[in-house]
């Protein structure tokens, strides 16, 4: 059984930065493709970024490219999301998720077996 625990959310002014962390426990972290999703009020959950098991490959959503970075530290069992130049439209609950997918960097929620409880990010303009 996998447990995921996000941290690092909070309130920030537009243009500011936050770094989210997700601590993975229960199984071997490096066996799992990891992703960050977010859900804005009244909208469906969307993939912000996904990273391969080794961390060598990653993809970010178009709305955050150039501003966000997804990374992982397999020695620390931790996934990160560095968020810079935050905008009000980035306000959402952010979730980390784990997928057993071997190669593909999938962005659909169905590919992910485990989810964290979410952490709120609020960006004020």
PDB file of N, CA and C in Angstrom:
ATOM      1  N   UNK A   1       0.845  -1.186   0.000  1.00  0.00           N
ATOM      2  CA  UNK A   1       0.000   0.000   0.000  1.00  0.00           C
ATOM      3  C   UNK A   1       0.889   1.247   0.000  1.00  0.00           C
ATOM      4  N   UNK A   2       0.515   2.187  -0.826  1.00  0.00           N
ATOM      5  CA  UNK A   2       1.272   3.428  -0.958  1.00  0.00           C
ATOM      6  C   UNK A   2       0.570   4.546  -0.214  1.00  0.00           C
ATOM      7  N   UNK A   3       1.351   5.342   0.488  1.00  0.00           N
ATOM      8  CA  UNK A   3       0.832   6.568   1.089  1.00  0.00           C
ATOM      9  C   UNK A   3       1.567   7.756   0.485  1.00  0.00           C
ATOM     10  N   UNK A   4       0.805   8.802   0.191  1.00  0.00           N
ATOM     11  CA  UNK A   4       1.352  10.033  -0.370  1.00  0.00           C
ATOM     12  C   UNK A   4       0.931  11.194   0.511  1.00  0.00           C
ATOM     13  N   UNK A   5       1.894  12.026   0.870  1.00  0.00           N
ATOM     14  CA  UNK A   5       1.594  13.156   1.736  1.00  0.00           C
ATOM     15  C   UNK A   5       2.174  14.424   1.148  1.00  0.00           C
ATOM     16  N   UNK A   6       1.302  15.328   0.704  1.00  0.00           N
ATOM     17  CA  UNK A   6       1.742  16.606   0.142  1.00  0.00           C
ATOM     18  C   UNK A   6       1.976  17.633   1.234  1.00  0.00           C
ATOM     19  N   UNK A   7       2.853  18.570   0.940  1.00  0.00           N
ATOM     20  CA  UNK A   7       3.085  19.709   1.822  1.00  0.00           C
ATOM     21  C   UNK A   7       3.587  20.880   0.983  1.00  0.00           C
ATOM     22  N   UNK A   8       3.560  22.068   1.562  1.00  0.00           N
ATOM     23  CA  UNK A   8       4.116  23.228   0.883  1.00  0.00           C
ATOM     24  C   UNK A   8       3.106  24.190   0.303  1.00  0.00           C
ATOM     25  N   UNK A   9       1.832  23.830   0.361  1.00  0.00           N
ATOM     26  CA  UNK A   9       0.823  24.758  -0.148  1.00  0.00           C
ATOM     27  C   UNK A   9       0.675  25.973   0.756  1.00  0.00           C
ATOM     28  N   UNK A  10      -0.097  26.948   0.276  1.00  0.00           N
ATOM     29  CA  UNK A  10      -0.328  28.146   1.071  1.00  0.00           C
ATOM     30  C   UNK A  10      -0.834  29.263   0.207  1.00  0.00           C
ATOM     31  N   UNK A  11      -0.763  30.471   0.752  1.00  0.00           N
ATOM     32  CA  UNK A  11      -1.227  31.663   0.052  1.00  0.00           C
ATOM     33  C   UNK A  11      -0.031  32.510  -0.360  1.00  0.00           C
ATOM     34  N   UNK A  12      -0.090  33.034  -1.572  1.00  0.00           N
ATOM     35  CA  UNK A  12       1.008  33.831  -2.102  1.00  0.00           C
ATOM     36  C   UNK A  12       0.433  34.868  -3.057  1.00  0.00           C
ATOM     37  N   UNK A  13       1.144  35.955  -3.221  1.00  0.00           N
ATOM     38  CA  UNK A  13       0.710  36.976  -4.178  1.00  0.00           C
ATOM     39  C   UNK A  13       1.133  36.589  -5.583  1.00  0.00           C
ATOM     40  N   UNK A  14       0.411  37.095  -6.544  1.00  0.00           N
ATOM     41  CA  UNK A  14       0.746  36.845  -7.945  1.00  0.00           C
ATOM     42  C   UNK A  14       2.187  37.264  -8.215  1.00  0.00           C
ATOM     43  N   UNK A  15       2.883  36.422  -8.988  1.00  0.00           N
ATOM     44  CA  UNK A  15       4.287  36.645  -9.269  1.00  0.00           C
ATOM     45  C   UNK A  15       5.222  35.942  -8.314  1.00  0.00           C
ATOM     46  N   UNK A  16       4.669  35.432  -7.231  1.00  0.00           N
ATOM     47  CA  UNK A  16       5.475  34.749  -6.228  1.00  0.00           C
ATOM     48  C   UNK A  16       5.732  33.291  -6.570  1.00  0.00           C
ATOM     49  N   UNK A  17       6.362  32.596  -5.613  1.00  0.00           N
ATOM     50  CA  UNK A  17       6.764  31.202  -5.816  1.00  0.00           C
ATOM     51  C   UNK A  17       6.361  30.347  -4.625  1.00  0.00           C
ATOM     52  N   UNK A  18       6.156  29.071  -4.908  1.00  0.00           N
ATOM     53  CA  UNK A  18       5.946  28.054  -3.890  1.00  0.00           C
ATOM     54  C   UNK A  18       6.591  26.765  -4.362  1.00  0.00           C
ATOM     55  N   UNK A  19       7.010  25.919  -3.414  1.00  0.00           N
ATOM     56  CA  UNK A  19       7.471  24.589  -3.771  1.00  0.00           C
ATOM     57  C   UNK A  19       6.648  23.563  -3.009  1.00  0.00           C
ATOM     58  N   UNK A  20       6.007  22.697  -3.765  1.00  0.00           N
ATOM     59  CA  UNK A  20       5.245  21.603  -3.178  1.00  0.00           C
ATOM     60  C   UNK A  20       6.129  20.367  -3.081  1.00  0.00           C
ATOM     61  N   UNK A  21       5.913  19.605  -2.023  1.00  0.00           N
ATOM     62  CA  UNK A  21       6.605  18.333  -1.841  1.00  0.00           C
ATOM     63  C   UNK A  21       5.583  17.239  -1.637  1.00  0.00           C
ATOM     64  N   UNK A  22       5.943  16.038  -2.029  1.00  0.00           N
ATOM     65  CA  UNK A  22       5.083  14.871  -1.829  1.00  0.00           C
ATOM     66  C   UNK A  22       5.962  13.728  -1.339  1.00  0.00           C
ATOM     67  N   UNK A  23       5.730  13.319  -0.104  1.00  0.00           N
ATOM     68  CA  UNK A  23       6.502  12.225   0.484  1.00  0.00           C
ATOM     69  C   UNK A  23       5.796  10.910   0.211  1.00  0.00           C
ATOM     70  N   UNK A  24       6.518   9.978  -0.374  1.00  0.00           N
ATOM     71  CA  UNK A  24       6.001   8.666  -0.774  1.00  0.00           C
ATOM     72  C   UNK A  24       6.459   7.629   0.235  1.00  0.00           C
ATOM     73  N   UNK A  25       5.554   6.735   0.624  1.00  0.00           N
ATOM     74  CA  UNK A  25       5.931   5.648   1.517  1.00  0.00           C
ATOM     75  C   UNK A  25       5.117   4.407   1.212  1.00  0.00           C
ATOM     76  N   UNK A  26       5.632   3.258   1.647  1.00  0.00           N
ATOM     77  CA  UNK A  26       4.907   2.012   1.528  1.00  0.00           C
ATOM     78  C   UNK A  26       5.517   1.016   0.572  1.00  0.00           C
ATOM     79  N   UNK A  27       5.964   1.488  -0.577  1.00  0.00           N
ATOM     80  CA  UNK A  27       6.587   0.629  -1.588  1.00  0.00           C
ATOM     81  C   UNK A  27       7.828   1.344  -2.127  1.00  0.00           C
ATOM     82  N   UNK A  28       8.448   0.764  -3.166  1.00  0.00           N
ATOM     83  CA  UNK A  28       9.660   1.336  -3.729  1.00  0.00           C
ATOM     84  C   UNK A  28       9.313   2.531  -4.618  1.00  0.00           C
ATOM     85  N   UNK A  29       9.732   3.702  -4.208  1.00  0.00           N
ATOM     86  CA  UNK A  29       9.388   4.944  -4.912  1.00  0.00           C
ATOM     87  C   UNK A  29       9.814   4.916  -6.380  1.00  0.00           C
ATOM     88  N   UNK A  30      10.997   4.402  -6.644  1.00  0.00           N
ATOM     89  CA  UNK A  30      11.541   4.423  -8.004  1.00  0.00           C
ATOM     90  C   UNK A  30      10.819   3.474  -8.956  1.00  0.00           C
ATOM     91  N   UNK A  31       9.862   2.709  -8.463  1.00  0.00           N
ATOM     92  CA  UNK A  31       9.061   1.829  -9.319  1.00  0.00           C
ATOM     93  C   UNK A  31       7.813   2.515  -9.853  1.00  0.00           C
ATOM     94  N   UNK A  32       7.629   3.796  -9.506  1.00  0.00           N
ATOM     95  CA  UNK A  32       6.384   4.470  -9.819  1.00  0.00           C
ATOM     96  C   UNK A  32       6.610   5.740 -10.621  1.00  0.00           C
ATOM     97  N   UNK A  33       5.861   5.890 -11.695  1.00  0.00           N
ATOM     98  CA  UNK A  33       5.749   7.164 -12.389  1.00  0.00           C
ATOM     99  C   UNK A  33       4.911   8.092 -11.515  1.00  0.00           C
ATOM    100  N   UNK A  34       5.339   9.339 -11.411  1.00  0.00           N
ATOM    101  CA  UNK A  34       4.679  10.273 -10.505  1.00  0.00           C
ATOM    102  C   UNK A  34       4.157  11.494 -11.255  1.00  0.00           C
ATOM    103  N   UNK A  35       3.140  12.101 -10.696  1.00  0.00           N
ATOM    104  CA  UNK A  35       2.548  13.269 -11.339  1.00  0.00           C
ATOM    105  C   UNK A  35       1.956  14.214 -10.302  1.00  0.00           C
ATOM    106  N   UNK A  36       1.807  15.449 -10.723  1.00  0.00           N
ATOM    107  CA  UNK A  36       1.048  16.446  -9.989  1.00  0.00           C
ATOM    108  C   UNK A  36      -0.206  16.775 -10.800  1.00  0.00           C
ATOM    109  N   UNK A  37      -1.311  16.789 -10.127  1.00  0.00           N
ATOM    110  CA  UNK A  37      -2.578  17.217 -10.704  1.00  0.00           C
ATOM    111  C   UNK A  37      -3.074  18.405  -9.884  1.00  0.00           C
ATOM    112  N   UNK A  38      -4.003  19.147 -10.469  1.00  0.00           N
ATOM    113  CA  UNK A  38      -4.666  20.194  -9.703  1.00  0.00           C
ATOM    114  C   UNK A  38      -6.139  20.230 -10.078  1.00  0.00           C
ATOM    115  N   UNK A  39      -6.901  20.710  -9.124  1.00  0.00           N
ATOM    116  CA  UNK A  39      -8.339  20.843  -9.377  1.00  0.00           C
ATOM    117  C   UNK A  39      -8.791  22.212  -8.914  1.00  0.00           C
ATOM    118  N   UNK A  40      -9.180  23.016  -9.888  1.00  0.00           N
ATOM    119  CA  UNK A  40      -9.711  24.340  -9.587  1.00  0.00           C
ATOM    120  C   UNK A  40     -11.210  24.224  -9.331  1.00  0.00           C
ATOM    121  N   UNK A  41     -11.733  25.159  -8.597  1.00  0.00           N
ATOM    122  CA  UNK A  41     -13.134  25.095  -8.193  1.00  0.00           C
ATOM    123  C   UNK A  41     -14.033  25.019  -9.413  1.00  0.00           C
ATOM    124  N   UNK A  42     -14.909  24.030  -9.413  1.00  0.00           N
ATOM    125  CA  UNK A  42     -15.876  23.876 -10.491  1.00  0.00           C
ATOM    126  C   UNK A  42     -15.313  23.269 -11.763  1.00  0.00           C
ATOM    127  N   UNK A  43     -14.047  22.794 -11.713  1.00  0.00           N
ATOM    128  CA  UNK A  43     -13.433  22.260 -12.922  1.00  0.00           C
ATOM    129  C   UNK A  43     -12.924  20.844 -12.663  1.00  0.00           C
ATOM    130  N   UNK A  44     -12.658  20.139 -13.739  1.00  0.00           N
ATOM    131  CA  UNK A  44     -12.142  18.783 -13.612  1.00  0.00           C
ATOM    132  C   UNK A  44     -10.667  18.804 -13.199  1.00  0.00           C
ATOM    133  N   UNK A  45     -10.237  17.688 -12.629  1.00  0.00           N
ATOM    134  CA  UNK A  45      -8.842  17.559 -12.236  1.00  0.00           C
ATOM    135  C   UNK A  45      -7.981  17.496 -13.498  1.00  0.00           C
ATOM    136  N   UNK A  46      -6.899  18.262 -13.519  1.00  0.00           N
ATOM    137  CA  UNK A  46      -6.022  18.301 -14.685  1.00  0.00           C
ATOM    138  C   UNK A  46      -4.586  18.007 -14.272  1.00  0.00           C
ATOM    139  N   UNK A  47      -3.849  17.428 -15.217  1.00  0.00           N
ATOM    140  CA  UNK A  47      -2.462  17.093 -14.962  1.00  0.00           C
ATOM    141  C   UNK A  47      -1.574  18.322 -15.149  1.00  0.00           C
ATOM    142  N   UNK A  48      -0.794  18.629 -14.141  1.00  0.00           N
ATOM    143  CA  UNK A  48       0.143  19.749 -14.212  1.00  0.00           C
ATOM    144  C   UNK A  48       1.479  19.280 -14.772  1.00  0.00           C
ATOM    145  N   UNK A  49       1.917  18.114 -14.326  1.00  0.00           N
ATOM    146  CA  UNK A  49       3.189  17.591 -14.794  1.00  0.00           C
ATOM    147  C   UNK A  49       3.348  16.137 -14.411  1.00  0.00           C
ATOM    148  N   UNK A  50       4.139  15.414 -15.175  1.00  0.00           N
ATOM    149  CA  UNK A  50       4.386  13.996 -14.927  1.00  0.00           C
ATOM    150  C   UNK A  50       5.870  13.726 -15.125  1.00  0.00           C
ATOM    151  N   UNK A  51       6.422  12.810 -14.337  1.00  0.00           N
ATOM    152  CA  UNK A  51       7.850  12.515 -14.389  1.00  0.00           C
ATOM    153  C   UNK A  51       8.063  11.014 -14.340  1.00  0.00           C
ATOM    154  N   UNK A  52       9.045  10.561 -15.095  1.00  0.00           N
ATOM    155  CA  UNK A  52       9.318   9.128 -15.197  1.00  0.00           C
ATOM    156  C   UNK A  52       9.920   8.588 -13.907  1.00  0.00           C
ATOM    157  N   UNK A  53      10.023   7.290 -13.854  1.00  0.00           N
ATOM    158  CA  UNK A  53      10.527   6.621 -12.657  1.00  0.00           C
ATOM    159  C   UNK A  53      11.933   7.083 -12.283  1.00  0.00           C
ATOM    160  N   UNK A  54      12.778   7.257 -13.275  1.00  0.00           N
ATOM    161  CA  UNK A  54      14.157   7.664 -13.007  1.00  0.00           C
ATOM    162  C   UNK A  54      14.295   9.166 -12.808  1.00  0.00           C
ATOM    163  N   UNK A  55      13.309   9.904 -13.301  1.00  0.00           N
ATOM    164  CA  UNK A  55      13.387  11.359 -13.265  1.00  0.00           C
ATOM    165  C   UNK A  55      14.002  11.966 -14.512  1.00  0.00           C
ATOM    166  N   UNK A  56      14.419  11.117 -15.449  1.00  0.00           N
ATOM    167  CA  UNK A  56      15.094  11.623 -16.653  1.00  0.00           C
ATOM    168  C   UNK A  56      14.126  12.286 -17.623  1.00  0.00           C
ATOM    169  N   UNK A  57      12.886  11.845 -17.620  1.00  0.00           N
ATOM    170  CA  UNK A  57      11.896  12.390 -18.552  1.00  0.00           C
ATOM    171  C   UNK A  57      10.753  13.020 -17.780  1.00  0.00           C
ATOM    172  N   UNK A  58      10.301  14.157 -18.281  1.00  0.00           N
ATOM    173  CA  UNK A  58       9.197  14.852 -17.623  1.00  0.00           C
ATOM    174  C   UNK A  58       8.417  15.656 -18.655  1.00  0.00           C
ATOM    175  N   UNK A  59       7.168  15.857 -18.375  1.00  0.00           N
ATOM    176  CA  UNK A  59       6.320  16.693 -19.219  1.00  0.00           C
ATOM    177  C   UNK A  59       5.504  17.615 -18.327  1.00  0.00           C
ATOM    178  N   UNK A  60       5.275  18.831 -18.816  1.00  0.00           N
ATOM    179  CA  UNK A  60       4.454  19.794 -18.100  1.00  0.00           C
ATOM    180  C   UNK A  60       3.292  20.223 -18.977  1.00  0.00           C
ATOM    181  N   UNK A  61       2.200  20.587 -18.342  1.00  0.00           N
ATOM    182  CA  UNK A  61       1.065  21.091 -19.079  1.00  0.00           C
ATOM    183  C   UNK A  61       1.385  22.428 -19.725  1.00  0.00           C
ATOM    184  N   UNK A  62       0.687  22.735 -20.811  1.00  0.00           N
ATOM    185  CA  UNK A  62       0.973  23.957 -21.568  1.00  0.00           C
ATOM    186  C   UNK A  62       0.799  25.210 -20.717  1.00  0.00           C
ATOM    187  N   UNK A  63      -0.159  25.199 -19.811  1.00  0.00           N
ATOM    188  CA  UNK A  63      -0.440  26.404 -19.029  1.00  0.00           C
ATOM    189  C   UNK A  63       0.631  26.710 -17.989  1.00  0.00           C
ATOM    190  N   UNK A  64       1.521  25.768 -17.714  1.00  0.00           N
ATOM    191  CA  UNK A  64       2.544  25.995 -16.684  1.00  0.00           C
ATOM    192  C   UNK A  64       3.970  25.902 -17.217  1.00  0.00           C
ATOM    193  N   UNK A  65       4.107  25.568 -18.486  1.00  0.00           N
ATOM    194  CA  UNK A  65       5.457  25.469 -19.063  1.00  0.00           C
ATOM    195  C   UNK A  65       6.191  26.800 -18.940  1.00  0.00           C
ATOM    196  N   UNK A  66       7.457  26.716 -18.559  1.00  0.00           N
ATOM    197  CA  UNK A  66       8.252  27.924 -18.392  1.00  0.00           C
ATOM    198  C   UNK A  66       8.124  28.543 -17.013  1.00  0.00           C
ATOM    199  N   UNK A  67       7.152  28.069 -16.229  1.00  0.00           N
ATOM    200  CA  UNK A  67       6.946  28.605 -14.879  1.00  0.00           C
ATOM    201  C   UNK A  67       7.116  27.538 -13.797  1.00  0.00           C
ATOM    202  N   UNK A  68       6.686  26.326 -14.080  1.00  0.00           N
ATOM    203  CA  UNK A  68       6.739  25.226 -13.116  1.00  0.00           C
ATOM    204  C   UNK A  68       7.810  24.226 -13.521  1.00  0.00           C
ATOM    205  N   UNK A  69       8.354  23.539 -12.526  1.00  0.00           N
ATOM    206  CA  UNK A  69       9.300  22.451 -12.743  1.00  0.00           C
ATOM    207  C   UNK A  69       8.906  21.281 -11.862  1.00  0.00           C
ATOM    208  N   UNK A  70       8.850  20.088 -12.475  1.00  0.00           N
ATOM    209  CA  UNK A  70       8.591  18.877 -11.705  1.00  0.00           C
ATOM    210  C   UNK A  70       9.900  18.113 -11.566  1.00  0.00           C
ATOM    211  N   UNK A  71      10.158  17.592 -10.394  1.00  0.00           N
ATOM    212  CA  UNK A  71      11.386  16.832 -10.164  1.00  0.00           C
ATOM    213  C   UNK A  71      11.144  15.804  -9.070  1.00  0.00           C
ATOM    214  N   UNK A  72      12.088  14.901  -8.909  1.00  0.00           N
ATOM    215  CA  UNK A  72      11.982  13.893  -7.863  1.00  0.00           C
ATOM    216  C   UNK A  72      13.355  13.552  -7.325  1.00  0.00           C
ATOM    217  N   UNK A  73      13.376  13.116  -6.080  1.00  0.00           N
ATOM    218  CA  UNK A  73      14.598  12.645  -5.444  1.00  0.00           C
ATOM    219  C   UNK A  73      14.324  11.229  -4.958  1.00  0.00           C
ATOM    220  N   UNK A  74      14.788  10.248  -5.706  1.00  0.00           N
ATOM    221  CA  UNK A  74      14.476   8.865  -5.368  1.00  0.00           C
ATOM    222  C   UNK A  74      15.161   8.420  -4.070  1.00  0.00           C
ATOM    223  N   UNK A  75      16.231   9.068  -3.712  1.00  0.00           N
ATOM    224  CA  UNK A  75      16.894   8.719  -2.450  1.00  0.00           C
ATOM    225  C   UNK A  75      16.086   9.196  -1.245  1.00  0.00           C
ATOM    226  N   UNK A  76      15.303  10.240  -1.456  1.00  0.00           N
ATOM    227  CA  UNK A  76      14.481  10.806  -0.378  1.00  0.00           C
ATOM    228  C   UNK A  76      13.004  10.445  -0.500  1.00  0.00           C
ATOM    229  N   UNK A  77      12.664   9.644  -1.507  1.00  0.00           N
ATOM    230  CA  UNK A  77      11.265   9.231  -1.728  1.00  0.00           C
ATOM    231  C   UNK A  77      10.329  10.440  -1.836  1.00  0.00           C
ATOM    232  N   UNK A  78      10.790  11.466  -2.526  1.00  0.00           N
ATOM    233  CA  UNK A  78      10.038  12.711  -2.560  1.00  0.00           C
ATOM    234  C   UNK A  78       9.897  13.255  -3.977  1.00  0.00           C
ATOM    235  N   UNK A  79       8.703  13.708  -4.269  1.00  0.00           N
ATOM    236  CA  UNK A  79       8.362  14.377  -5.522  1.00  0.00           C
ATOM    237  C   UNK A  79       8.214  15.868  -5.228  1.00  0.00           C
ATOM    238  N   UNK A  80       8.628  16.697  -6.184  1.00  0.00           N
ATOM    239  CA  UNK A  80       8.560  18.144  -5.994  1.00  0.00           C
ATOM    240  C   UNK A  80       7.838  18.821  -7.153  1.00  0.00           C
ATOM    241  N   UNK A  81       7.279  19.980  -6.856  1.00  0.00           N
ATOM    242  CA  UNK A  81       6.756  20.872  -7.885  1.00  0.00           C
ATOM    243  C   UNK A  81       7.178  22.286  -7.507  1.00  0.00           C
ATOM    244  N   UNK A  82       8.121  22.829  -8.260  1.00  0.00           N
ATOM    245  CA  UNK A  82       8.542  24.211  -8.063  1.00  0.00           C
ATOM    246  C   UNK A  82       7.660  25.091  -8.928  1.00  0.00           C
ATOM    247  N   UNK A  83       6.979  26.026  -8.293  1.00  0.00           N
ATOM    248  CA  UNK A  83       6.032  26.880  -9.006  1.00  0.00           C
ATOM    249  C   UNK A  83       6.502  28.333  -8.901  1.00  0.00           C
ATOM    250  N   UNK A  84       6.821  28.905 -10.041  1.00  0.00           N
ATOM    251  CA  UNK A  84       7.281  30.298 -10.098  1.00  0.00           C
ATOM    252  C   UNK A  84       6.314  31.138 -10.916  1.00  0.00           C
ATOM    253  N   UNK A  85       6.410  32.436 -10.769  1.00  0.00           N
ATOM    254  CA  UNK A  85       5.565  33.392 -11.498  1.00  0.00           C
ATOM    255  C   UNK A  85       4.107  32.961 -11.396  1.00  0.00           C
ATOM    256  N   UNK A  86       3.667  32.740 -10.184  1.00  0.00           N
ATOM    257  CA  UNK A  86       2.310  32.237  -9.968  1.00  0.00           C
ATOM    258  C   UNK A  86       1.271  33.265 -10.395  1.00  0.00           C
ATOM    259  N   UNK A  87       0.174  32.739 -10.928  1.00  0.00           N
ATOM    260  CA  UNK A  87      -0.940  33.557 -11.388  1.00  0.00           C
ATOM    261  C   UNK A  87      -2.184  33.180 -10.590  1.00  0.00           C
ATOM    262  N   UNK A  88      -3.173  34.046 -10.614  1.00  0.00           N
ATOM    263  CA  UNK A  88      -4.407  33.760  -9.869  1.00  0.00           C
ATOM    264  C   UNK A  88      -5.063  32.478 -10.378  1.00  0.00           C
ATOM    265  N   UNK A  89      -4.914  32.200 -11.666  1.00  0.00           N
ATOM    266  CA  UNK A  89      -5.521  30.985 -12.229  1.00  0.00           C
ATOM    267  C   UNK A  89      -4.807  29.711 -11.811  1.00  0.00           C
ATOM    268  N   UNK A  90      -3.683  29.825 -11.122  1.00  0.00           N
ATOM    269  CA  UNK A  90      -3.019  28.645 -10.564  1.00  0.00           C
ATOM    270  C   UNK A  90      -3.631  28.222  -9.229  1.00  0.00           C
ATOM    271  N   UNK A  91      -4.524  29.032  -8.691  1.00  0.00           N
ATOM    272  CA  UNK A  91      -5.176  28.695  -7.426  1.00  0.00           C
ATOM    273  C   UNK A  91      -5.982  27.412  -7.593  1.00  0.00           C
ATOM    274  N   UNK A  92      -5.693  26.435  -6.741  1.00  0.00           N
ATOM    275  CA  UNK A  92      -6.326  25.123  -6.862  1.00  0.00           C
ATOM    276  C   UNK A  92      -5.874  24.256  -5.699  1.00  0.00           C
ATOM    277  N   UNK A  93      -6.498  23.096  -5.591  1.00  0.00           N
ATOM    278  CA  UNK A  93      -5.972  22.040  -4.723  1.00  0.00           C
ATOM    279  C   UNK A  93      -5.036  21.199  -5.582  1.00  0.00           C
ATOM    280  N   UNK A  94      -3.823  21.007  -5.108  1.00  0.00           N
ATOM    281  CA  UNK A  94      -2.815  20.253  -5.842  1.00  0.00           C
ATOM    282  C   UNK A  94      -2.658  18.877  -5.210  1.00  0.00           C
ATOM    283  N   UNK A  95      -2.632  17.857  -6.069  1.00  0.00           N
ATOM    284  CA  UNK A  95      -2.518  16.470  -5.635  1.00  0.00           C
ATOM    285  C   UNK A  95      -1.311  15.808  -6.279  1.00  0.00           C
ATOM    286  N   UNK A  96      -0.600  15.008  -5.523  1.00  0.00           N
ATOM    287  CA  UNK A  96       0.384  14.144  -6.155  1.00  0.00           C
ATOM    288  C   UNK A  96      -0.250  12.765  -6.337  1.00  0.00           C
ATOM    289  N   UNK A  97       0.248  12.039  -7.339  1.00  0.00           N
ATOM    290  CA  UNK A  97      -0.330  10.757  -7.683  1.00  0.00           C
ATOM    291  C   UNK A  97       0.753   9.816  -8.185  1.00  0.00           C
ATOM    292  N   UNK A  98       0.524   8.512  -7.985  1.00  0.00           N
ATOM    293  CA  UNK A  98       1.495   7.493  -8.364  1.00  0.00           C
ATOM    294  C   UNK A  98       0.864   6.504  -9.329  1.00  0.00           C
ATOM    295  N   UNK A  99       1.617   6.204 -10.397  1.00  0.00           N
ATOM    296  CA  UNK A  99       1.147   5.276 -11.420  1.00  0.00           C
ATOM    297  C   UNK A  99       2.179   4.170 -11.636  1.00  0.00           C
ATOM    298  N   UNK A 100       1.699   2.918 -11.831  1.00  0.00           N
ATOM    299  CA  UNK A 100       2.629   1.826 -12.120  1.00  0.00           C
ATOM    300  C   UNK A 100       3.082   1.789 -13.582  1.00  0.00           C
ATOM    301  N   UNK A 101       2.639   2.745 -14.393  1.00  0.00           N
ATOM    302  CA  UNK A 101       3.003   2.805 -15.813  1.00  0.00           C
ATOM    303  C   UNK A 101       4.512   2.737 -15.982  1.00  0.00           C
ATOM    304  N   UNK A 102       4.958   1.863 -16.877  1.00  0.00           N
ATOM    305  CA  UNK A 102       6.391   1.622 -17.014  1.00  0.00           C
ATOM    306  C   UNK A 102       7.096   2.682 -17.848  1.00  0.00           C
ATOM    307  N   UNK A 103       6.532   3.034 -18.997  1.00  0.00           N
ATOM    308  CA  UNK A 103       7.251   3.930 -19.900  1.00  0.00           C
ATOM    309  C   UNK A 103       6.493   5.215 -20.223  1.00  0.00           C
ATOM    310  N   UNK A 104       5.211   5.112 -20.515  1.00  0.00           N
ATOM    311  CA  UNK A 104       4.472   6.285 -20.976  1.00  0.00           C
ATOM    312  C   UNK A 104       4.271   7.299 -19.856  1.00  0.00           C
ATOM    313  N   UNK A 105       4.338   8.570 -20.198  1.00  0.00           N
ATOM    314  CA  UNK A 105       4.065   9.648 -19.247  1.00  0.00           C
ATOM    315  C   UNK A 105       2.603  10.045 -19.424  1.00  0.00           C
ATOM    316  N   UNK A 106       1.753   9.336 -18.748  1.00  0.00           N
ATOM    317  CA  UNK A 106       0.317   9.525 -18.919  1.00  0.00           C
ATOM    318  C   UNK A 106      -0.199  10.673 -18.080  1.00  0.00           C
ATOM    319  N   UNK A 107      -1.161  11.385 -18.642  1.00  0.00           N
ATOM    320  CA  UNK A 107      -1.721  12.548 -17.955  1.00  0.00           C
ATOM    321  C   UNK A 107      -3.173  12.337 -17.557  1.00  0.00           C
ATOM    322  N   UNK A 108      -3.712  11.148 -17.807  1.00  0.00           N
ATOM    323  CA  UNK A 108      -5.110  10.882 -17.453  1.00  0.00           C
ATOM    324  C   UNK A 108      -5.182  10.314 -16.048  1.00  0.00           C
ATOM    325  N   UNK A 109      -6.208  10.707 -15.312  1.00  0.00           N
ATOM    326  CA  UNK A 109      -6.335  10.281 -13.917  1.00  0.00           C
ATOM    327  C   UNK A 109      -6.467   8.774 -13.780  1.00  0.00           C
ATOM    328  N   UNK A 110      -7.006   8.118 -14.819  1.00  0.00           N
ATOM    329  CA  UNK A 110      -7.217   6.673 -14.725  1.00  0.00           C
ATOM    330  C   UNK A 110      -5.928   5.888 -14.605  1.00  0.00           C
ATOM    331  N   UNK A 111      -4.813   6.480 -15.016  1.00  0.00           N
ATOM    332  CA  UNK A 111      -3.525   5.772 -14.967  1.00  0.00           C
ATOM    333  C   UNK A 111      -2.942   5.726 -13.563  1.00  0.00           C
ATOM    334  N   UNK A 112      -3.507   6.480 -12.640  1.00  0.00           N
ATOM    335  CA  UNK A 112      -2.905   6.657 -11.317  1.00  0.00           C
ATOM    336  C   UNK A 112      -3.673   5.902 -10.252  1.00  0.00           C
ATOM    337  N   UNK A 113      -2.940   5.070  -9.520  1.00  0.00           N
ATOM    338  CA  UNK A 113      -3.556   4.193  -8.529  1.00  0.00           C
ATOM    339  C   UNK A 113      -3.661   4.829  -7.147  1.00  0.00           C
ATOM    340  N   UNK A 114      -2.725   5.711  -6.835  1.00  0.00           N
ATOM    341  CA  UNK A 114      -2.676   6.281  -5.491  1.00  0.00           C
ATOM    342  C   UNK A 114      -2.626   7.801  -5.574  1.00  0.00           C
ATOM    343  N   UNK A 115      -3.301   8.429  -4.606  1.00  0.00           N
ATOM    344  CA  UNK A 115      -3.417   9.885  -4.563  1.00  0.00           C
ATOM    345  C   UNK A 115      -3.159  10.386  -3.153  1.00  0.00           C
ATOM    346  N   UNK A 116      -2.563  11.584  -3.081  1.00  0.00           N
ATOM    347  CA  UNK A 116      -2.458  12.257  -1.804  1.00  0.00           C
ATOM    348  C   UNK A 116      -3.768  12.938  -1.450  1.00  0.00           C
ATOM    349  N   UNK A 117      -3.778  13.560  -0.277  1.00  0.00           N
ATOM    350  CA  UNK A 117      -5.004  14.199   0.200  1.00  0.00           C
ATOM    351  C   UNK A 117      -5.193  15.590  -0.377  1.00  0.00           C
ATOM    352  N   UNK A 118      -4.160  16.133  -0.973  1.00  0.00           N
ATOM    353  CA  UNK A 118      -4.239  17.448  -1.601  1.00  0.00           C
ATOM    354  C   UNK A 118      -3.730  18.555  -0.699  1.00  0.00           C
ATOM    355  N   UNK A 119      -3.211  19.604  -1.325  1.00  0.00           N
ATOM    356  CA  UNK A 119      -2.770  20.784  -0.596  1.00  0.00           C
ATOM    357  C   UNK A 119      -3.242  22.021  -1.359  1.00  0.00           C
ATOM    358  N   UNK A 120      -3.776  22.978  -0.637  1.00  0.00           N
ATOM    359  CA  UNK A 120      -4.373  24.162  -1.252  1.00  0.00           C
ATOM    360  C   UNK A 120      -3.309  25.183  -1.603  1.00  0.00           C
ATOM    361  N   UNK A 121      -3.399  25.704  -2.812  1.00  0.00           N
ATOM    362  CA  UNK A 121      -2.565  26.833  -3.245  1.00  0.00           C
ATOM    363  C   UNK A 121      -3.511  27.968  -3.624  1.00  0.00           C
ATOM    364  N   UNK A 122      -3.300  29.119  -3.016  1.00  0.00           N
ATOM    365  CA  UNK A 122      -4.130  30.281  -3.295  1.00  0.00           C
ATOM    366  C   UNK A 122      -3.233  31.431  -3.720  1.00  0.00           C
ATOM    367  N   UNK A 123      -3.496  31.958  -4.908  1.00  0.00           N
ATOM    368  CA  UNK A 123      -2.697  33.059  -5.452  1.00  0.00           C
ATOM    369  C   UNK A 123      -3.589  34.285  -5.558  1.00  0.00           C
ATOM    370  N   UNK A 124      -3.217  35.336  -4.887  1.00  0.00           N
ATOM    371  CA  UNK A 124      -4.018  36.561  -4.903  1.00  0.00           C
ATOM    372  C   UNK A 124      -3.377  37.585  -5.831  1.00  0.00           C
ATOM    373  N   UNK A 125      -4.244  38.284  -6.550  1.00  0.00           N
ATOM    374  CA  UNK A 125      -3.737  39.262  -7.517  1.00  0.00           C
ATOM    375  C   UNK A 125      -3.744  40.664  -6.932  1.00  0.00           C
TER     376      UNK A 125
END
